[in-house]
Amino acid sequence: MTKDAEALLCICYHDYLERVKSGQSKTESRYFSEDYIHETDSLSSWHEDDFHSTCSELQYLHYFKVWVTGSFELTSDAIEYMENRFKNNVKELAQFISQFIP
């Protein structure tokens, strides 16, 4: 997995955890809109082509389901990977993400 893919997966997983924490269902929290790159400060410096290319990489790795509309969903594989990587420690995850924000 490239560093960009790792960063995007971490950013999405962080948002997923925040949504669940705020009361959304886990199922609903897995979905991200086609405008996610524009809605997320952490991705503001990304070129749109790089974002879509990284989404495709994560789809190939079975961590994203990407829809024709451009929206996407975190898969169960992605959530399991991230749970094992950070053991649900949001602080550790936030520290990791901060190194990718310019």
PDB file of N, CA and C in Angstrom:
ATOM      1  N   MET A   1       0.853  -1.174   0.000  1.00  0.00           N
ATOM      2  CA  MET A   1       0.000   0.000   0.000  1.00  0.00           C
ATOM      3  C   MET A   1       0.901   1.240   0.000  1.00  0.00           C
ATOM      4  N   THR A   2       0.574   2.198  -0.865  1.00  0.00           N
ATOM      5  CA  THR A   2       1.350   3.433  -0.915  1.00  0.00           C
ATOM      6  C   THR A   2       1.081   4.289   0.322  1.00  0.00           C
ATOM      7  N   LYS A   3       1.952   5.263   0.548  1.00  0.00           N
ATOM      8  CA  LYS A   3       1.759   6.170   1.680  1.00  0.00           C
ATOM      9  C   LYS A   3       0.489   6.999   1.520  1.00  0.00           C
ATOM     10  N   ASP A   4       0.177   7.394   0.289  1.00  0.00           N
ATOM     11  CA  ASP A   4      -1.061   8.146   0.057  1.00  0.00           C
ATOM     12  C   ASP A   4      -2.283   7.305   0.399  1.00  0.00           C
ATOM     13  N   ALA A   5      -2.255   6.043   0.001  1.00  0.00           N
ATOM     14  CA  ALA A   5      -3.383   5.158   0.298  1.00  0.00           C
ATOM     15  C   ALA A   5      -3.519   4.963   1.805  1.00  0.00           C
ATOM     16  N   GLU A   6      -2.403   4.781   2.478  1.00  0.00           N
ATOM     17  CA  GLU A   6      -2.429   4.635   3.934  1.00  0.00           C
ATOM     18  C   GLU A   6      -2.999   5.890   4.588  1.00  0.00           C
ATOM     19  N   ALA A   7      -2.578   7.057   4.093  1.00  0.00           N
ATOM     20  CA  ALA A   7      -3.068   8.322   4.651  1.00  0.00           C
ATOM     21  C   ALA A   7      -4.569   8.476   4.432  1.00  0.00           C
ATOM     22  N   LEU A   8      -5.029   8.224   3.212  1.00  0.00           N
ATOM     23  CA  LEU A   8      -6.456   8.371   2.914  1.00  0.00           C
ATOM     24  C   LEU A   8      -7.282   7.390   3.733  1.00  0.00           C
ATOM     25  N   LEU A   9      -6.817   6.173   3.850  1.00  0.00           N
ATOM     26  CA  LEU A   9      -7.534   5.184   4.649  1.00  0.00           C
ATOM     27  C   LEU A   9      -7.622   5.627   6.104  1.00  0.00           C
ATOM     28  N   CYS A  10      -6.547   6.156   6.638  1.00  0.00           N
ATOM     29  CA  CYS A  10      -6.545   6.633   8.025  1.00  0.00           C
ATOM     30  C   CYS A  10      -7.493   7.814   8.216  1.00  0.00           C
ATOM     31  N   ILE A  11      -7.492   8.733   7.281  1.00  0.00           N
ATOM     32  CA  ILE A  11      -8.379   9.898   7.364  1.00  0.00           C
ATOM     33  C   ILE A  11      -9.842   9.451   7.334  1.00  0.00           C
ATOM     34  N   CYS A  12     -10.158   8.538   6.432  1.00  0.00           N
ATOM     35  CA  CYS A  12     -11.533   8.036   6.335  1.00  0.00           C
ATOM     36  C   CYS A  12     -11.926   7.264   7.591  1.00  0.00           C
ATOM     37  N   TYR A  13     -11.020   6.468   8.094  1.00  0.00           N
ATOM     38  CA  TYR A  13     -11.308   5.690   9.300  1.00  0.00           C
ATOM     39  C   TYR A  13     -11.524   6.616  10.493  1.00  0.00           C
ATOM     40  N   HIS A  14     -10.736   7.660  10.589  1.00  0.00           N
ATOM     41  CA  HIS A  14     -10.914   8.648  11.656  1.00  0.00           C
ATOM     42  C   HIS A  14     -12.304   9.268  11.571  1.00  0.00           C
ATOM     43  N   ASP A  15     -12.715   9.652  10.359  1.00  0.00           N
ATOM     44  CA  ASP A  15     -14.054  10.216  10.180  1.00  0.00           C
ATOM     45  C   ASP A  15     -15.136   9.186  10.513  1.00  0.00           C
ATOM     46  N   TYR A  16     -14.905   7.950  10.127  1.00  0.00           N
ATOM     47  CA  TYR A  16     -15.840   6.863  10.460  1.00  0.00           C
ATOM     48  C   TYR A  16     -16.014   6.770  11.976  1.00  0.00           C
ATOM     49  N   LEU A  17     -14.909   6.755  12.719  1.00  0.00           N
ATOM     50  CA  LEU A  17     -14.984   6.664  14.188  1.00  0.00           C
ATOM     51  C   LEU A  17     -15.700   7.868  14.783  1.00  0.00           C
ATOM     52  N   GLU A  18     -15.428   9.049  14.259  1.00  0.00           N
ATOM     53  CA  GLU A  18     -16.083  10.260  14.757  1.00  0.00           C
ATOM     54  C   GLU A  18     -17.588  10.216  14.505  1.00  0.00           C
ATOM     55  N   ARG A  19     -17.980   9.718  13.363  1.00  0.00           N
ATOM     56  CA  ARG A  19     -19.411   9.606  13.041  1.00  0.00           C
ATOM     57  C   ARG A  19     -20.107   8.632  13.989  1.00  0.00           C
ATOM     58  N   VAL A  20     -19.466   7.485  14.227  1.00  0.00           N
ATOM     59  CA  VAL A  20     -20.030   6.488  15.148  1.00  0.00           C
ATOM     60  C   VAL A  20     -20.130   7.087  16.548  1.00  0.00           C
ATOM     61  N   LYS A  21     -19.090   7.789  16.953  1.00  0.00           N
ATOM     62  CA  LYS A  21     -19.062   8.416  18.281  1.00  0.00           C
ATOM     63  C   LYS A  21     -20.185   9.445  18.426  1.00  0.00           C
ATOM     64  N   SER A  22     -20.533  10.117  17.329  1.00  0.00           N
ATOM     65  CA  SER A  22     -21.572  11.147  17.389  1.00  0.00           C
ATOM     66  C   SER A  22     -22.983  10.563  17.288  1.00  0.00           C
ATOM     67  N   GLY A  23     -23.095   9.232  17.161  1.00  0.00           N
ATOM     68  CA  GLY A  23     -24.408   8.611  17.195  1.00  0.00           C
ATOM     69  C   GLY A  23     -24.904   8.008  15.893  1.00  0.00           C
ATOM     70  N   GLN A  24     -24.156   8.176  14.812  1.00  0.00           N
ATOM     71  CA  GLN A  24     -24.572   7.553  13.559  1.00  0.00           C
ATOM     72  C   GLN A  24     -24.365   6.041  13.644  1.00  0.00           C
ATOM     73  N   SER A  25     -25.122   5.297  12.870  1.00  0.00           N
ATOM     74  CA  SER A  25     -24.923   3.846  12.832  1.00  0.00           C
ATOM     75  C   SER A  25     -23.586   3.539  12.156  1.00  0.00           C
ATOM     76  N   LYS A  26     -23.046   2.381  12.467  1.00  0.00           N
ATOM     77  CA  LYS A  26     -21.799   1.967  11.831  1.00  0.00           C
ATOM     78  C   LYS A  26     -21.991   1.808  10.328  1.00  0.00           C
ATOM     79  N   THR A  27     -23.136   1.314   9.936  1.00  0.00           N
ATOM     80  CA  THR A  27     -23.424   1.131   8.512  1.00  0.00           C
ATOM     81  C   THR A  27     -23.444   2.469   7.786  1.00  0.00           C
ATOM     82  N   GLU A  28     -24.150   3.435   8.340  1.00  0.00           N
ATOM     83  CA  GLU A  28     -24.236   4.763   7.733  1.00  0.00           C
ATOM     84  C   GLU A  28     -22.881   5.467   7.729  1.00  0.00           C
ATOM     85  N   SER A  29     -22.095   5.257   8.763  1.00  0.00           N
ATOM     86  CA  SER A  29     -20.806   5.932   8.925  1.00  0.00           C
ATOM     87  C   SER A  29     -19.761   5.481   7.921  1.00  0.00           C
ATOM     88  N   ARG A  30     -19.983   4.350   7.275  1.00  0.00           N
ATOM     89  CA  ARG A  30     -19.016   3.793   6.313  1.00  0.00           C
ATOM     90  C   ARG A  30     -19.044   4.495   4.968  1.00  0.00           C
ATOM     91  N   TYR A  31     -20.097   5.294   4.702  1.00  0.00           N
ATOM     92  CA  TYR A  31     -20.287   5.894   3.388  1.00  0.00           C
ATOM     93  C   TYR A  31     -19.718   7.306   3.319  1.00  0.00           C
ATOM     94  N   PHE A  32     -19.080   7.604   2.188  1.00  0.00           N
ATOM     95  CA  PHE A  32     -18.469   8.909   1.957  1.00  0.00           C
ATOM     96  C   PHE A  32     -18.933   9.438   0.603  1.00  0.00           C
ATOM     97  N   SER A  33     -19.217  10.729   0.552  1.00  0.00           N
ATOM     98  CA  SER A  33     -19.776  11.323  -0.664  1.00  0.00           C
ATOM     99  C   SER A  33     -18.704  11.524  -1.731  1.00  0.00           C
ATOM    100  N   GLU A  34     -19.167  11.773  -2.933  1.00  0.00           N
ATOM    101  CA  GLU A  34     -18.260  12.049  -4.046  1.00  0.00           C
ATOM    102  C   GLU A  34     -17.494  13.352  -3.829  1.00  0.00           C
ATOM    103  N   ASP A  35     -17.984  14.208  -2.950  1.00  0.00           N
ATOM    104  CA  ASP A  35     -17.323  15.482  -2.654  1.00  0.00           C
ATOM    105  C   ASP A  35     -16.424  15.415  -1.428  1.00  0.00           C
ATOM    106  N   TYR A  36     -16.129  14.229  -0.956  1.00  0.00           N
ATOM    107  CA  TYR A  36     -15.353  14.066   0.277  1.00  0.00           C
ATOM    108  C   TYR A  36     -14.027  14.826   0.237  1.00  0.00           C
ATOM    109  N   ILE A  37     -13.354  14.828  -0.898  1.00  0.00           N
ATOM    110  CA  ILE A  37     -12.071  15.540  -1.022  1.00  0.00           C
ATOM    111  C   ILE A  37     -12.243  17.028  -0.737  1.00  0.00           C
ATOM    112  N   HIS A  38     -13.391  17.586  -1.092  1.00  0.00           N
ATOM    113  CA  HIS A  38     -13.645  19.017  -0.886  1.00  0.00           C
ATOM    114  C   HIS A  38     -14.220  19.300   0.497  1.00  0.00           C
ATOM    115  N   GLU A  39     -14.755  18.291   1.145  1.00  0.00           N
ATOM    116  CA  GLU A  39     -15.376  18.453   2.465  1.00  0.00           C
ATOM    117  C   GLU A  39     -14.396  18.238   3.615  1.00  0.00           C
ATOM    118  N   THR A  40     -13.200  17.772   3.303  1.00  0.00           N
ATOM    119  CA  THR A  40     -12.253  17.358   4.330  1.00  0.00           C
ATOM    120  C   THR A  40     -10.991  18.204   4.269  1.00  0.00           C
ATOM    121  N   ASP A  41     -10.735  18.949   5.332  1.00  0.00           N
ATOM    122  CA  ASP A  41      -9.561  19.823   5.372  1.00  0.00           C
ATOM    123  C   ASP A  41      -8.260  19.052   5.163  1.00  0.00           C
ATOM    124  N   SER A  42      -8.193  17.836   5.674  1.00  0.00           N
ATOM    125  CA  SER A  42      -6.976  17.028   5.571  1.00  0.00           C
ATOM    126  C   SER A  42      -6.619  16.699   4.124  1.00  0.00           C
ATOM    127  N   LEU A  43      -7.581  16.817   3.233  1.00  0.00           N
ATOM    128  CA  LEU A  43      -7.348  16.480   1.823  1.00  0.00           C
ATOM    129  C   LEU A  43      -7.289  17.704   0.924  1.00  0.00           C
ATOM    130  N   SER A  44      -7.327  18.889   1.511  1.00  0.00           N
ATOM    131  CA  SER A  44      -7.416  20.120   0.715  1.00  0.00           C
ATOM    132  C   SER A  44      -6.218  20.322  -0.218  1.00  0.00           C
ATOM    133  N   SER A  45      -5.061  19.774   0.123  1.00  0.00           N
ATOM    134  CA  SER A  45      -3.884  19.959  -0.719  1.00  0.00           C
ATOM    135  C   SER A  45      -3.748  18.875  -1.790  1.00  0.00           C
ATOM    136  N   TRP A  46      -4.633  17.899  -1.762  1.00  0.00           N
ATOM    137  CA  TRP A  46      -4.558  16.806  -2.732  1.00  0.00           C
ATOM    138  C   TRP A  46      -5.119  17.239  -4.086  1.00  0.00           C
ATOM    139  N   HIS A  47      -4.467  16.819  -5.134  1.00  0.00           N
ATOM    140  CA  HIS A  47      -5.011  17.009  -6.479  1.00  0.00           C
ATOM    141  C   HIS A  47      -6.135  15.992  -6.659  1.00  0.00           C
ATOM    142  N   GLU A  48      -7.196  16.390  -7.324  1.00  0.00           N
ATOM    143  CA  GLU A  48      -8.355  15.517  -7.473  1.00  0.00           C
ATOM    144  C   GLU A  48      -8.006  14.208  -8.184  1.00  0.00           C
ATOM    145  N   ASP A  49      -7.124  14.266  -9.182  1.00  0.00           N
ATOM    146  CA  ASP A  49      -6.703  13.038  -9.874  1.00  0.00           C
ATOM    147  C   ASP A  49      -5.981  12.084  -8.921  1.00  0.00           C
ATOM    148  N   ASP A  50      -5.142  12.641  -8.047  1.00  0.00           N
ATOM    149  CA  ASP A  50      -4.429  11.809  -7.073  1.00  0.00           C
ATOM    150  C   ASP A  50      -5.407  11.157  -6.104  1.00  0.00           C
ATOM    151  N   PHE A  51      -6.419  11.907  -5.704  1.00  0.00           N
ATOM    152  CA  PHE A  51      -7.442  11.371  -4.808  1.00  0.00           C
ATOM    153  C   PHE A  51      -8.143  10.182  -5.453  1.00  0.00           C
ATOM    154  N   HIS A  52      -8.575  10.348  -6.695  1.00  0.00           N
ATOM    155  CA  HIS A  52      -9.302   9.274  -7.385  1.00  0.00           C
ATOM    156  C   HIS A  52      -8.400   8.070  -7.644  1.00  0.00           C
ATOM    157  N   SER A  53      -7.154   8.333  -7.967  1.00  0.00           N
ATOM    158  CA  SER A  53      -6.195   7.248  -8.170  1.00  0.00           C
ATOM    159  C   SER A  53      -5.983   6.463  -6.875  1.00  0.00           C
ATOM    160  N   THR A  54      -5.906   7.173  -5.766  1.00  0.00           N
ATOM    161  CA  THR A  54      -5.725   6.532  -4.466  1.00  0.00           C
ATOM    162  C   THR A  54      -6.971   5.746  -4.072  1.00  0.00           C
ATOM    163  N   CYS A  55      -8.140   6.276  -4.385  1.00  0.00           N
ATOM    164  CA  CYS A  55      -9.378   5.525  -4.148  1.00  0.00           C
ATOM    165  C   CYS A  55      -9.373   4.223  -4.945  1.00  0.00           C
ATOM    166  N   SER A  56      -8.905   4.291  -6.176  1.00  0.00           N
ATOM    167  CA  SER A  56      -8.827   3.080  -7.007  1.00  0.00           C
ATOM    168  C   SER A  56      -7.861   2.065  -6.407  1.00  0.00           C
ATOM    169  N   GLU A  57      -6.748   2.541  -5.892  1.00  0.00           N
ATOM    170  CA  GLU A  57      -5.794   1.639  -5.231  1.00  0.00           C
ATOM    171  C   GLU A  57      -6.444   0.955  -4.029  1.00  0.00           C
ATOM    172  N   LEU A  58      -7.161   1.726  -3.239  1.00  0.00           N
ATOM    173  CA  LEU A  58      -7.823   1.149  -2.061  1.00  0.00           C
ATOM    174  C   LEU A  58      -8.953   0.202  -2.472  1.00  0.00           C
ATOM    175  N   GLN A  59      -9.578   0.462  -3.589  1.00  0.00           N
ATOM    176  CA  GLN A  59     -10.591  -0.461  -4.104  1.00  0.00           C
ATOM    177  C   GLN A  59      -9.914  -1.772  -4.521  1.00  0.00           C
ATOM    178  N   TYR A  60      -8.790  -1.676  -5.193  1.00  0.00           N
ATOM    179  CA  TYR A  60      -8.039  -2.863  -5.616  1.00  0.00           C
ATOM    180  C   TYR A  60      -7.623  -3.703  -4.406  1.00  0.00           C
ATOM    181  N   LEU A  61      -7.314  -3.043  -3.306  1.00  0.00           N
ATOM    182  CA  LEU A  61      -6.906  -3.738  -2.077  1.00  0.00           C
ATOM    183  C   LEU A  61      -8.097  -4.227  -1.254  1.00  0.00           C
ATOM    184  N   HIS A  62      -9.306  -3.970  -1.757  1.00  0.00           N
ATOM    185  CA  HIS A  62     -10.559  -4.372  -1.098  1.00  0.00           C
ATOM    186  C   HIS A  62     -10.827  -3.594   0.191  1.00  0.00           C
ATOM    187  N   TYR A  63     -10.312  -2.357   0.275  1.00  0.00           N
ATOM    188  CA  TYR A  63     -10.570  -1.503   1.427  1.00  0.00           C
ATOM    189  C   TYR A  63     -11.662  -0.475   1.141  1.00  0.00           C
ATOM    190  N   PHE A  64     -11.919  -0.196  -0.131  1.00  0.00           N
ATOM    191  CA  PHE A  64     -12.993   0.708  -0.550  1.00  0.00           C
ATOM    192  C   PHE A  64     -13.875  -0.025  -1.557  1.00  0.00           C
ATOM    193  N   LYS A  65     -15.160   0.310  -1.529  1.00  0.00           N
ATOM    194  CA  LYS A  65     -16.056   0.047  -2.644  1.00  0.00           C
ATOM    195  C   LYS A  65     -16.313   1.415  -3.242  1.00  0.00           C
ATOM    196  N   VAL A  66     -15.963   1.593  -4.492  1.00  0.00           N
ATOM    197  CA  VAL A  66     -16.130   2.886  -5.154  1.00  0.00           C
ATOM    198  C   VAL A  66     -17.281   2.767  -6.136  1.00  0.00           C
ATOM    199  N   TRP A  67     -18.225   3.695  -6.039  1.00  0.00           N
ATOM    200  CA  TRP A  67     -19.409   3.687  -6.892  1.00  0.00           C
ATOM    201  C   TRP A  67     -19.171   4.558  -8.121  1.00  0.00           C
ATOM    202  N   VAL A  68     -19.956   4.348  -9.140  1.00  0.00           N
ATOM    203  CA  VAL A  68     -19.855   5.103 -10.388  1.00  0.00           C
ATOM    204  C   VAL A  68     -19.993   6.601 -10.132  1.00  0.00           C
ATOM    205  N   THR A  69     -20.774   6.976  -9.148  1.00  0.00           N
ATOM    206  CA  THR A  69     -21.001   8.389  -8.829  1.00  0.00           C
ATOM    207  C   THR A  69     -19.771   9.062  -8.239  1.00  0.00           C
ATOM    208  N   GLY A  70     -18.805   8.261  -7.780  1.00  0.00           N
ATOM    209  CA  GLY A  70     -17.618   8.814  -7.126  1.00  0.00           C
ATOM    210  C   GLY A  70     -17.677   8.691  -5.619  1.00  0.00           C
ATOM    211  N   SER A  71     -18.843   8.373  -5.082  1.00  0.00           N
ATOM    212  CA  SER A  71     -18.930   8.138  -3.638  1.00  0.00           C
ATOM    213  C   SER A  71     -18.294   6.776  -3.358  1.00  0.00           C
ATOM    214  N   PHE A  72     -17.967   6.540  -2.100  1.00  0.00           N
ATOM    215  CA  PHE A  72     -17.315   5.282  -1.759  1.00  0.00           C
ATOM    216  C   PHE A  72     -17.670   4.855  -0.351  1.00  0.00           C
ATOM    217  N   GLU A  73     -17.316   3.622  -0.054  1.00  0.00           N
ATOM    218  CA  GLU A  73     -17.650   3.010   1.231  1.00  0.00           C
ATOM    219  C   GLU A  73     -16.419   2.291   1.772  1.00  0.00           C
ATOM    220  N   LEU A  74     -16.182   2.445   3.068  1.00  0.00           N
ATOM    221  CA  LEU A  74     -15.158   1.630   3.728  1.00  0.00           C
ATOM    222  C   LEU A  74     -15.681   0.198   3.809  1.00  0.00           C
ATOM    223  N   THR A  75     -14.859  -0.762   3.461  1.00  0.00           N
ATOM    224  CA  THR A  75     -15.284  -2.154   3.538  1.00  0.00           C
ATOM    225  C   THR A  75     -14.994  -2.714   4.937  1.00  0.00           C
ATOM    226  N   SER A  76     -15.547  -3.875   5.193  1.00  0.00           N
ATOM    227  CA  SER A  76     -15.264  -4.563   6.458  1.00  0.00           C
ATOM    228  C   SER A  76     -13.776  -4.871   6.576  1.00  0.00           C
ATOM    229  N   ASP A  77     -13.131  -5.197   5.449  1.00  0.00           N
ATOM    230  CA  ASP A  77     -11.686  -5.452   5.456  1.00  0.00           C
ATOM    231  C   ASP A  77     -10.914  -4.217   5.915  1.00  0.00           C
ATOM    232  N   ALA A  78     -11.343  -3.048   5.458  1.00  0.00           N
ATOM    233  CA  ALA A  78     -10.670  -1.802   5.837  1.00  0.00           C
ATOM    234  C   ALA A  78     -10.831  -1.533   7.329  1.00  0.00           C
ATOM    235  N   ILE A  79     -12.027  -1.718   7.822  1.00  0.00           N
ATOM    236  CA  ILE A  79     -12.285  -1.455   9.246  1.00  0.00           C
ATOM    237  C   ILE A  79     -11.512  -2.438  10.110  1.00  0.00           C
ATOM    238  N   GLU A  80     -11.484  -3.692   9.712  1.00  0.00           N
ATOM    239  CA  GLU A  80     -10.717  -4.693  10.469  1.00  0.00           C
ATOM    240  C   GLU A  80      -9.225  -4.353  10.467  1.00  0.00           C
ATOM    241  N   TYR A  81      -8.688  -3.968   9.304  1.00  0.00           N
ATOM    242  CA  TYR A  81      -7.284  -3.586   9.202  1.00  0.00           C
ATOM    243  C   TYR A  81      -6.973  -2.426  10.144  1.00  0.00           C
ATOM    244  N   MET A  82      -7.826  -1.421  10.120  1.00  0.00           N
ATOM    245  CA  MET A  82      -7.581  -0.239  10.940  1.00  0.00           C
ATOM    246  C   MET A  82      -7.766  -0.534  12.428  1.00  0.00           C
ATOM    247  N   GLU A  83      -8.725  -1.359  12.780  1.00  0.00           N
ATOM    248  CA  GLU A  83      -8.909  -1.731  14.184  1.00  0.00           C
ATOM    249  C   GLU A  83      -7.659  -2.422  14.717  1.00  0.00           C
ATOM    250  N   ASN A  84      -7.084  -3.279  13.918  1.00  0.00           N
ATOM    251  CA  ASN A  84      -5.868  -3.972  14.335  1.00  0.00           C
ATOM    252  C   ASN A  84      -4.653  -3.062  14.307  1.00  0.00           C
ATOM    253  N   ARG A  85      -4.638  -2.110  13.405  1.00  0.00           N
ATOM    254  CA  ARG A  85      -3.486  -1.206  13.292  1.00  0.00           C
ATOM    255  C   ARG A  85      -3.428  -0.216  14.449  1.00  0.00           C
ATOM    256  N   PHE A  86      -4.573   0.331  14.835  1.00  0.00           N
ATOM    257  CA  PHE A  86      -4.590   1.363  15.869  1.00  0.00           C
ATOM    258  C   PHE A  86      -5.326   0.945  17.137  1.00  0.00           C
ATOM    259  N   LYS A  87      -5.869  -0.239  17.173  1.00  0.00           N
ATOM    260  CA  LYS A  87      -6.563  -0.751  18.367  1.00  0.00           C
ATOM    261  C   LYS A  87      -7.600   0.240  18.889  1.00  0.00           C
ATOM    262  N   ASN A  88      -8.285   0.942  17.945  1.00  0.00           N
ATOM    263  CA  ASN A  88      -9.335   1.915  18.261  1.00  0.00           C
ATOM    264  C   ASN A  88      -8.846   3.098  19.093  1.00  0.00           C
ATOM    265  N   ASN A  89      -7.578   3.397  19.036  1.00  0.00           N
ATOM    266  CA  ASN A  89      -7.027   4.527  19.767  1.00  0.00           C
ATOM    267  C   ASN A  89      -7.045   5.749  18.851  1.00  0.00           C
ATOM    268  N   VAL A  90      -8.043   6.582  19.021  1.00  0.00           N
ATOM    269  CA  VAL A  90      -8.229   7.748  18.150  1.00  0.00           C
ATOM    270  C   VAL A  90      -7.054   8.721  18.273  1.00  0.00           C
ATOM    271  N   LYS A  91      -6.481   8.853  19.452  1.00  0.00           N
ATOM    272  CA  LYS A  91      -5.353   9.766  19.635  1.00  0.00           C
ATOM    273  C   LYS A  91      -4.160   9.323  18.790  1.00  0.00           C
ATOM    274  N   GLU A  92      -3.851   8.042  18.816  1.00  0.00           N
ATOM    275  CA  GLU A  92      -2.747   7.507  18.015  1.00  0.00           C
ATOM    276  C   GLU A  92      -3.025   7.703  16.525  1.00  0.00           C
ATOM    277  N   LEU A  93      -4.265   7.476  16.124  1.00  0.00           N
ATOM    278  CA  LEU A  93      -4.665   7.666  14.732  1.00  0.00           C
ATOM    279  C   LEU A  93      -4.518   9.126  14.328  1.00  0.00           C
ATOM    280  N   ALA A  94      -4.961  10.043  15.167  1.00  0.00           N
ATOM    281  CA  ALA A  94      -4.858  11.477  14.868  1.00  0.00           C
ATOM    282  C   ALA A  94      -3.404  11.906  14.732  1.00  0.00           C
ATOM    283  N   GLN A  95      -2.534  11.370  15.576  1.00  0.00           N
ATOM    284  CA  GLN A  95      -1.109  11.685  15.482  1.00  0.00           C
ATOM    285  C   GLN A  95      -0.535  11.193  14.163  1.00  0.00           C
ATOM    286  N   PHE A  96      -0.940  10.014  13.743  1.00  0.00           N
ATOM    287  CA  PHE A  96      -0.466   9.468  12.473  1.00  0.00           C
ATOM    288  C   PHE A  96      -0.935  10.333  11.312  1.00  0.00           C
ATOM    289  N   ILE A  97      -2.207  10.724  11.321  1.00  0.00           N
ATOM    290  CA  ILE A  97      -2.767  11.533  10.232  1.00  0.00           C
ATOM    291  C   ILE A  97      -2.073  12.892  10.162  1.00  0.00           C
ATOM    292  N   SER A  98      -1.737  13.466  11.291  1.00  0.00           N
ATOM    293  CA  SER A  98      -1.163  14.820  11.311  1.00  0.00           C
ATOM    294  C   SER A  98       0.135  14.926  10.521  1.00  0.00           C
ATOM    295  N   GLN A  99       0.856  13.839  10.342  1.00  0.00           N
ATOM    296  CA  GLN A  99       2.103  13.910   9.582  1.00  0.00           C
ATOM    297  C   GLN A  99       1.869  14.086   8.077  1.00  0.00           C
ATOM    298  N   PHE A 100       0.636  13.860   7.621  1.00  0.00           N
ATOM    299  CA  PHE A 100       0.322  14.003   6.202  1.00  0.00           C
ATOM    300  C   PHE A 100      -0.328  15.333   5.873  1.00  0.00           C
ATOM    301  N   ILE A 101      -0.628  16.126   6.876  1.00  0.00           N
ATOM    302  CA  ILE A 101      -1.293  17.409   6.651  1.00  0.00           C
ATOM    303  C   ILE A 101      -0.230  18.497   6.525  1.00  0.00           C
ATOM    304  N   PRO A 102      -0.244  19.189   5.393  1.00  0.00           N
ATOM    305  CA  PRO A 102       0.779  20.237   5.167  1.00  0.00           C
ATOM    306  C   PRO A 102       0.594  21.433   6.067  1.00  0.00           C
TER     307      PRO A 102
END
